Protein backbone atom coordinates (compact mmCIF):
# COMPACT_ATOMS: atom_id res chain seq x y z
CA UNK A 1 187.01 -102.36 -172.67
CA UNK A 2 183.12 -102.26 -172.12
CA UNK A 3 180.39 -101.20 -175.69
CA UNK A 4 178.21 -98.41 -174.67
CA UNK A 5 175.07 -99.53 -176.20
CA UNK A 6 171.62 -97.31 -177.51
CA UNK A 7 168.29 -98.79 -176.04
CA UNK A 8 166.17 -99.10 -177.63
CA UNK A 9 163.22 -96.11 -177.04
CA UNK A 10 159.79 -96.36 -175.46
CA UNK A 11 156.72 -95.45 -177.69
CA UNK A 12 155.73 -92.28 -174.86
CA UNK A 13 159.84 -91.14 -174.90
CA UNK A 14 159.61 -91.51 -179.08
CA UNK A 15 156.32 -89.36 -179.09
CA UNK A 16 158.05 -86.55 -176.80
CA UNK A 17 161.17 -86.79 -179.07
CA UNK A 18 159.36 -85.35 -182.20
CA UNK A 19 159.32 -81.80 -183.24
CA UNK A 20 156.34 -79.94 -182.16
CA UNK A 21 154.44 -78.30 -185.05
CA UNK A 22 153.69 -74.56 -183.88
CA UNK A 23 151.00 -73.94 -185.74
CA UNK A 24 148.70 -77.05 -185.01
CA UNK A 25 145.90 -75.42 -183.04
CA UNK A 26 144.04 -77.68 -180.07
CA UNK A 27 140.76 -75.01 -180.31
CA UNK A 28 138.87 -75.42 -183.69
CA UNK A 29 137.04 -72.07 -183.83
CA UNK A 30 133.83 -72.25 -185.78
CA UNK A 31 133.47 -71.06 -189.46
CA UNK A 32 132.51 -67.20 -188.92
CA UNK A 33 130.92 -66.57 -192.41
CA UNK A 34 127.42 -65.57 -193.37
CA UNK A 35 125.05 -68.93 -192.89
CA UNK A 36 121.52 -69.21 -193.85
CA UNK A 37 118.50 -70.68 -192.56
CA UNK A 38 115.08 -71.17 -194.17
CA UNK A 39 111.66 -72.50 -194.35
CA UNK A 40 108.83 -72.35 -196.22
CA UNK A 41 104.41 -72.70 -196.50
CA UNK A 42 102.04 -73.12 -198.75
CA UNK A 43 98.93 -71.50 -197.23
CA UNK A 44 95.34 -71.49 -198.88
CA UNK A 45 95.23 -67.83 -198.76
CA UNK A 46 95.27 -64.91 -201.55
CA UNK A 47 98.93 -64.03 -201.58
CA UNK A 48 98.25 -60.37 -201.42
CA UNK A 49 96.31 -60.64 -198.57
CA UNK A 50 99.47 -62.67 -197.06
CA UNK A 51 101.91 -60.02 -198.35
CA UNK A 52 99.95 -57.42 -196.63
CA UNK A 53 100.04 -58.90 -193.30
CA UNK A 54 104.45 -59.03 -193.93
CA UNK A 55 104.40 -55.87 -195.44
CA UNK A 56 103.77 -54.93 -191.68
CA UNK A 57 106.53 -54.43 -190.15
CA UNK A 58 105.34 -52.64 -186.97
CA UNK A 59 103.23 -55.72 -185.78
CA UNK A 60 105.77 -57.82 -186.17
CA UNK A 61 106.30 -57.75 -182.52
CA UNK A 62 103.26 -59.29 -181.72
CA UNK A 63 103.75 -61.70 -183.33
CA UNK A 64 106.89 -62.81 -184.21
CA UNK A 65 109.40 -64.89 -181.81
CA UNK A 66 112.77 -63.00 -181.92
CA UNK A 67 111.30 -60.10 -182.42
CA UNK A 68 111.24 -58.18 -179.59
CA UNK A 69 111.25 -54.51 -181.00
CA UNK A 70 109.54 -53.84 -184.56
CA UNK A 71 108.94 -50.22 -185.23
CA UNK A 72 108.56 -48.03 -188.46
CA UNK A 73 110.33 -45.39 -188.72
CA UNK A 74 110.94 -43.68 -192.29
CA UNK A 75 108.03 -44.35 -195.29
CA UNK A 76 108.56 -43.79 -198.87
CA UNK A 77 108.54 -40.74 -200.09
CA UNK A 78 105.79 -40.50 -202.19
CA UNK A 79 102.75 -43.56 -202.66
CA UNK A 80 102.36 -45.92 -205.31
CA UNK A 81 99.82 -46.54 -208.24
CA UNK A 82 97.48 -47.81 -204.92
CA UNK A 83 97.83 -44.77 -203.24
CA UNK A 84 100.39 -46.90 -200.63
CA UNK A 85 103.23 -45.79 -198.86
CA UNK A 86 106.01 -48.70 -197.81
CA UNK A 87 107.93 -48.89 -194.55
CA UNK A 88 111.96 -48.27 -195.60
CA UNK A 89 114.00 -48.23 -192.06
CA UNK A 90 112.93 -49.70 -189.05
CA UNK A 91 113.78 -50.09 -185.44
CA UNK A 92 113.63 -54.01 -185.04
CA UNK A 93 115.45 -55.86 -182.25
CA UNK A 94 115.95 -59.11 -182.40
CA UNK A 95 117.87 -62.40 -181.21
CA UNK A 96 118.12 -66.20 -180.33
CA UNK A 97 120.49 -68.50 -178.90
CA UNK A 98 120.71 -66.23 -175.75
CA UNK A 99 121.66 -63.34 -177.80
CA UNK A 100 120.18 -60.25 -179.21
CA UNK A 101 120.71 -57.33 -181.70
CA UNK A 102 119.01 -53.83 -181.69
CA UNK A 103 119.32 -52.31 -185.49
CA UNK A 104 118.16 -49.43 -187.57
CA UNK A 105 116.96 -51.97 -190.37
CA UNK A 106 116.82 -50.94 -193.62
CA UNK A 107 113.99 -52.01 -195.28
CA UNK A 108 112.80 -52.71 -199.42
CA UNK A 109 108.94 -53.90 -199.70
CA UNK A 110 108.55 -54.80 -203.82
CA UNK A 111 105.53 -55.99 -204.35
CA UNK A 112 105.56 -57.34 -207.93
CA UNK A 113 108.50 -59.85 -206.89
CA UNK A 114 106.10 -60.20 -203.30
CA UNK A 115 109.30 -59.57 -201.67
CA UNK A 116 109.74 -57.65 -198.14
CA UNK A 117 112.79 -57.75 -197.20
CA UNK A 118 115.03 -56.09 -193.79
CA UNK A 119 118.98 -55.53 -194.32
CA UNK A 120 120.88 -54.58 -190.78
CA UNK A 121 124.72 -54.20 -190.31
CA UNK A 122 127.15 -54.32 -193.57
CA UNK A 123 125.13 -56.27 -195.81
CA UNK A 124 123.69 -55.11 -198.92
CA UNK A 125 120.09 -56.38 -200.64
CA UNK A 126 120.70 -58.64 -203.94
CA UNK A 127 117.20 -57.54 -204.98
CA UNK A 128 118.23 -55.62 -208.85
CA UNK A 129 118.47 -52.53 -208.93
CA UNK A 130 116.38 -52.06 -211.67
CA UNK A 131 113.29 -53.67 -210.06
CA UNK A 132 114.23 -51.43 -206.83
CA UNK A 133 113.86 -47.92 -208.78
CA UNK A 134 110.55 -49.27 -210.45
CA UNK A 135 109.34 -48.64 -206.59
CA UNK A 136 111.33 -45.42 -205.94
CA UNK A 137 113.40 -47.84 -204.07
CA UNK A 138 117.82 -47.82 -203.73
CA UNK A 139 119.91 -49.16 -201.39
CA UNK A 140 122.14 -46.92 -199.45
CA UNK A 141 124.32 -49.15 -198.56
CA UNK A 142 125.58 -49.56 -195.10
CA UNK A 143 126.31 -47.18 -192.16
CA UNK A 144 123.45 -45.15 -194.14
CA UNK A 145 120.52 -45.61 -191.65
CA UNK A 146 122.41 -45.91 -188.11
CA UNK A 147 122.43 -49.67 -188.15
CA UNK A 148 124.17 -51.49 -185.61
CA UNK A 149 127.79 -50.37 -184.44
CA UNK A 150 130.23 -52.65 -185.67
CA UNK A 151 130.64 -54.19 -181.80
CA UNK A 152 127.54 -55.56 -182.00
CA UNK A 153 126.83 -59.47 -181.81
CA UNK A 154 125.34 -59.82 -185.45
CA UNK A 155 128.46 -58.49 -188.53
CA UNK A 156 125.06 -58.45 -190.98
CA UNK A 157 121.14 -59.85 -190.87
CA UNK A 158 119.31 -59.95 -193.68
CA UNK A 159 115.83 -61.33 -193.68
CA UNK A 160 113.53 -61.86 -196.24
CA UNK A 161 109.69 -62.54 -196.77
CA UNK A 162 108.64 -64.06 -200.25
CA UNK A 163 104.87 -64.59 -200.86
CA UNK A 164 103.75 -65.62 -204.64
CA UNK A 165 100.66 -67.85 -205.71
CA UNK A 166 100.96 -71.27 -205.95
CA UNK A 167 101.43 -73.05 -209.33
CA UNK A 168 97.90 -73.72 -210.47
CA UNK A 169 98.96 -77.31 -211.77
CA UNK A 170 99.57 -78.84 -208.17
CA UNK A 171 95.86 -77.92 -206.64
CA UNK A 172 93.61 -80.16 -207.49
CA UNK A 173 91.00 -77.45 -206.17
CA UNK A 174 92.87 -73.99 -208.00
CA UNK A 175 89.29 -72.86 -208.94
CA UNK A 176 87.62 -73.19 -205.10
CA UNK A 177 90.66 -71.37 -203.07
CA UNK A 178 93.58 -69.00 -203.55
CA UNK A 179 96.95 -70.89 -202.38
CA UNK A 180 100.65 -68.84 -202.02
CA UNK A 181 103.78 -69.97 -200.98
CA UNK A 182 105.00 -67.89 -198.70
CA UNK A 183 109.24 -68.55 -197.64
CA UNK A 184 111.63 -66.60 -195.23
CA UNK A 185 115.44 -66.24 -195.61
CA UNK A 186 117.47 -65.67 -192.94
CA UNK A 187 120.99 -65.32 -193.90
CA UNK A 188 123.41 -63.79 -190.52
CA UNK A 189 126.95 -63.26 -189.96
CA UNK A 190 128.53 -62.47 -186.57
CA UNK A 191 130.59 -60.53 -185.53
CA UNK A 192 132.51 -63.30 -183.23
CA UNK A 193 133.26 -66.73 -183.53
CA UNK A 194 132.29 -67.94 -180.37
CA UNK A 195 128.81 -66.78 -181.36
CA UNK A 196 128.43 -69.21 -183.93
CA UNK A 197 129.26 -71.77 -181.98
CA UNK A 198 126.62 -70.95 -178.83
CA UNK A 199 123.89 -70.53 -180.98
CA UNK A 200 124.18 -73.53 -183.51
CA UNK A 201 122.59 -75.96 -181.42
CA UNK A 202 118.77 -73.72 -182.10
CA UNK A 203 120.08 -71.05 -185.28
CA UNK A 204 117.92 -74.49 -187.95
CA UNK A 205 115.21 -73.90 -185.28
CA UNK A 206 114.61 -70.29 -186.03
CA UNK A 207 113.02 -70.26 -189.36
CA UNK A 208 110.50 -72.80 -188.74
CA UNK A 209 109.09 -70.87 -185.65
CA UNK A 210 109.18 -67.61 -187.15
CA UNK A 211 107.21 -68.88 -190.45
CA UNK A 212 105.24 -70.77 -187.57
CA UNK A 213 104.31 -67.97 -185.98
CA UNK A 214 103.27 -65.78 -189.29
CA UNK A 215 100.72 -68.72 -190.35
CA UNK A 216 98.77 -68.64 -187.66
CA UNK A 217 99.25 -65.29 -186.99
CA UNK A 218 97.53 -65.29 -191.07
CA UNK A 219 94.50 -67.91 -189.40
CA UNK A 220 93.50 -64.54 -186.62
CA UNK A 221 93.43 -62.00 -189.63
CA UNK A 222 92.48 -64.08 -192.50
CA UNK A 223 90.15 -66.61 -190.34
CA UNK A 224 90.49 -70.55 -191.03
CA UNK A 225 89.75 -71.89 -194.07
CA UNK A 226 89.28 -75.33 -193.33
CA UNK A 227 92.25 -76.87 -195.71
CA UNK A 228 96.27 -77.61 -194.11
CA UNK A 229 98.64 -75.37 -194.52
CA UNK A 230 101.58 -77.48 -196.17
CA UNK A 231 105.47 -77.71 -195.42
CA UNK A 232 107.51 -76.81 -198.36
CA UNK A 233 111.27 -77.79 -199.61
C-alpha cells in the first residue's frame, strides 16, 4: 500500500497561497494638505516704495508670471491718514503646471506690517484681527466675495507679500542706501490629489520666479542703484 507524500511548494506557489491584503493600495496618491512655497530677496530700495509696487494689484498682470488677470473691484470705504484707499477685493486668475483658476480674492493691505495678502477659496487670513481693525479691515470669511466654486483646481490659495526694512546692523552702507527685505509666501491646497502630482515638478520654482519678476519691476520703476540684490534664506 502506497503512502501519499506532500511535495514541497515552489516559491511562486507559496506566494500565491498567501491571503491577499484588501487594504493594500497599488497607487499612492500625493498628500492633499496645504503646501507652502517661499522666496525672499534683500533689495537696495526704500521699503515704502517697494510696498507701493506690491500694493498695486492692478499691475500684477503686467509683470508677474502665473498671473493671467488682476483687476481690483473693491477699495477701502474710507481713506487712511495719508488720504489713501487700499484694494480689498480683486479678480485674479493664477495657475501653474498647466492648471489655472479664476477667483474673486479678498485682499488685505496692512502697511504697518508691510503685508499685502490675497486670499481665495476657503482659507482665512492669519493677520491678527486687532491689526486689521487698525486699517478698517476685517476678514468676512470664505464665500463672501464670490470665490471660485468647490469644483475648481484650487481649494484654497493664499499669496502673501511682506516688505520690511532690512536690519541696519547687517549693512555696511546703511547710511548711504536704504535696504529692504521682500518675502513671498504662497500657501495652496488643490481640490484633487492628481493636480498635486502633476504640478509637483514646478511648484517649488513658482515663488522664486515671481520674486525675481518683482525685482525687475522695482528696477524699472525705481531705477538701478548699482547694488546687487541678495538672496535670503
